[in-house]
């Protein structure tokens, strides 16, 4: 009888890292939603007629939930389509974040090209990791 050896392939390790990253990113987003600076900014926004936009909180909750589901898919049976669509939604949100942070709002090439490029590349690495997990469940 042949002995089975448990191994981790690269996509499995990537999936674990992406799940942990999304979960911790969601926690950080939720923690910062209630920070003094965030409360102050929302207060100033309301003072000038704006609303208390919960978009960042909603995204943080989606990221945290995605992290839980992506990690859970490694250990329990989850429909492939759920993971596929969840990672697709997070990837789309990530592309929007990249566009806003690095190209819009007059942020291109600031504070200098190398620093800007380094931040962009770090975000592209995360996007590619999301894409790899997404392709696993396609």
Protein backbone atom coordinates (compact mmCIF):
# COMPACT_ATOMS: atom_id res chain seq x y z
CA UNK A 1 0.00 0.00 0.00
CA UNK A 2 1.42 3.36 -1.04
CA UNK A 3 1.81 5.97 1.62
CA UNK A 4 0.06 9.30 0.93
CA UNK A 5 2.05 12.42 1.65
CA UNK A 6 0.20 15.67 2.22
CA UNK A 7 1.71 18.53 0.26
CA UNK A 8 0.92 22.17 -0.22
CA UNK A 9 0.92 23.37 -3.77
CA UNK A 10 1.60 27.00 -4.60
CA UNK A 11 -2.03 27.87 -5.34
CA UNK A 12 -3.11 26.48 -1.95
CA UNK A 13 -0.48 28.58 -0.17
CA UNK A 14 -1.52 31.60 -2.24
CA UNK A 15 -5.15 30.98 -1.28
CA UNK A 16 -4.25 30.86 2.44
CA UNK A 17 -2.25 34.09 2.18
CA UNK A 18 -4.99 35.86 0.20
CA UNK A 19 -7.60 34.74 2.73
CA UNK A 20 -5.54 36.00 5.67
CA UNK A 21 -4.81 39.25 3.86
CA UNK A 22 -8.47 39.91 3.06
CA UNK A 23 -9.58 39.05 6.57
CA UNK A 24 -7.01 41.30 8.26
CA UNK A 25 -7.66 44.08 5.72
CA UNK A 26 -11.35 43.93 6.62
CA UNK A 27 -10.56 44.09 10.33
CA UNK A 28 -8.29 47.11 9.79
CA UNK A 29 -11.00 48.82 7.73
CA UNK A 30 -13.59 48.25 10.45
CA UNK A 31 -11.22 49.43 13.18
CA UNK A 32 -10.37 52.61 11.25
CA UNK A 33 -14.04 53.31 10.52
CA UNK A 34 -14.52 54.17 14.17
CA UNK A 35 -11.20 55.99 14.68
CA UNK A 36 -11.17 59.58 15.91
CA UNK A 37 -9.81 60.83 12.59
CA UNK A 38 -12.51 59.02 10.60
CA UNK A 39 -15.24 60.30 12.91
CA UNK A 40 -13.87 63.83 12.58
CA UNK A 41 -13.77 63.57 8.77
CA UNK A 42 -17.36 62.29 8.65
CA UNK A 43 -18.43 65.10 10.99
CA UNK A 44 -16.81 67.75 8.78
CA UNK A 45 -18.39 66.15 5.74
CA UNK A 46 -21.85 66.31 7.37
CA UNK A 47 -21.21 69.91 8.45
CA UNK A 48 -20.87 70.91 4.80
CA UNK A 49 -23.96 69.02 3.68
CA UNK A 50 -22.36 65.70 2.84
CA UNK A 51 -23.49 62.34 4.07
CA UNK A 52 -21.76 59.85 6.31
CA UNK A 53 -20.80 57.54 3.44
CA UNK A 54 -20.57 53.95 4.70
CA UNK A 55 -18.81 52.74 1.51
CA UNK A 56 -15.48 52.05 3.27
CA UNK A 57 -17.24 50.11 6.02
CA UNK A 58 -19.20 48.04 3.49
CA UNK A 59 -16.02 47.24 1.55
CA UNK A 60 -14.25 46.25 4.80
CA UNK A 61 -17.08 43.87 5.70
CA UNK A 62 -17.01 42.35 2.18
CA UNK A 63 -13.21 41.89 2.43
CA UNK A 64 -13.47 40.21 5.82
CA UNK A 65 -16.28 37.91 4.65
CA UNK A 66 -14.33 37.07 1.49
CA UNK A 67 -11.30 36.16 3.59
CA UNK A 68 -13.39 33.80 5.71
CA UNK A 69 -15.01 32.14 2.69
CA UNK A 70 -11.75 31.81 0.72
CA UNK A 71 -10.05 30.21 3.74
CA UNK A 72 -13.07 28.06 4.51
CA UNK A 73 -13.10 26.69 0.96
CA UNK A 74 -9.82 24.94 1.74
CA UNK A 75 -11.34 22.95 4.58
CA UNK A 76 -15.07 22.53 3.86
CA UNK A 77 -17.05 21.94 0.73
CA UNK A 78 -18.10 25.27 -0.77
CA UNK A 79 -19.63 25.65 -4.21
CA UNK A 80 -16.95 26.75 -6.65
CA UNK A 81 -19.20 29.47 -8.03
CA UNK A 82 -19.43 31.17 -4.62
CA UNK A 83 -15.64 31.48 -4.36
CA UNK A 84 -15.41 32.45 -8.03
CA UNK A 85 -17.91 35.31 -7.73
CA UNK A 86 -16.62 36.47 -4.36
CA UNK A 87 -13.02 36.72 -5.56
CA UNK A 88 -14.26 38.36 -8.77
CA UNK A 89 -16.12 41.04 -6.76
CA UNK A 90 -13.10 41.69 -4.54
CA UNK A 91 -10.86 41.84 -7.65
CA UNK A 92 -13.12 44.42 -9.27
CA UNK A 93 -13.11 46.48 -6.07
CA UNK A 94 -9.31 46.15 -6.00
CA UNK A 95 -9.00 47.43 -9.58
CA UNK A 96 -11.19 50.41 -8.66
CA UNK A 97 -8.98 51.05 -5.62
CA UNK A 98 -5.85 50.91 -7.81
CA UNK A 99 -7.33 53.34 -10.32
CA UNK A 100 -8.41 55.80 -7.65
CA UNK A 101 -5.24 55.55 -5.56
CA UNK A 102 -2.66 55.58 -8.32
CA UNK A 103 -4.16 57.32 -11.34
CA UNK A 104 -7.08 59.53 -10.35
CA UNK A 105 -7.28 62.36 -7.82
CA UNK A 106 -4.02 63.78 -9.17
CA UNK A 107 -2.01 60.94 -7.57
CA UNK A 108 -0.09 59.72 -10.62
CA UNK A 109 3.68 59.54 -10.05
CA UNK A 110 3.49 61.10 -6.57
CA UNK A 111 5.45 61.62 -4.32
CA UNK A 112 8.04 60.40 -6.83
CA UNK A 113 7.99 57.83 -9.64
CA UNK A 114 9.84 55.00 -7.86
CA UNK A 115 7.71 55.23 -4.69
CA UNK A 116 4.55 55.42 -6.80
CA UNK A 117 5.63 52.43 -8.91
CA UNK A 118 6.50 50.38 -5.83
CA UNK A 119 3.04 50.93 -4.34
CA UNK A 120 1.39 50.16 -7.67
CA UNK A 121 3.35 46.92 -8.06
CA UNK A 122 2.46 45.79 -4.52
CA UNK A 123 -1.22 46.28 -5.33
CA UNK A 124 -0.83 44.44 -8.65
CA UNK A 125 0.73 41.48 -6.80
CA UNK A 126 -2.38 41.31 -4.60
CA UNK A 127 -4.61 41.57 -7.68
CA UNK A 128 -2.76 38.72 -9.39
CA UNK A 129 -3.02 36.55 -6.26
CA UNK A 130 -6.78 37.19 -6.24
CA UNK A 131 -6.89 36.29 -9.93
CA UNK A 132 -5.02 33.01 -9.31
CA UNK A 133 -7.47 31.98 -6.60
CA UNK A 134 -10.34 33.06 -8.86
CA UNK A 135 -9.03 30.89 -11.74
CA UNK A 136 -8.82 27.88 -9.43
CA UNK A 137 -12.60 28.03 -8.98
CA UNK A 138 -13.54 29.03 -12.55
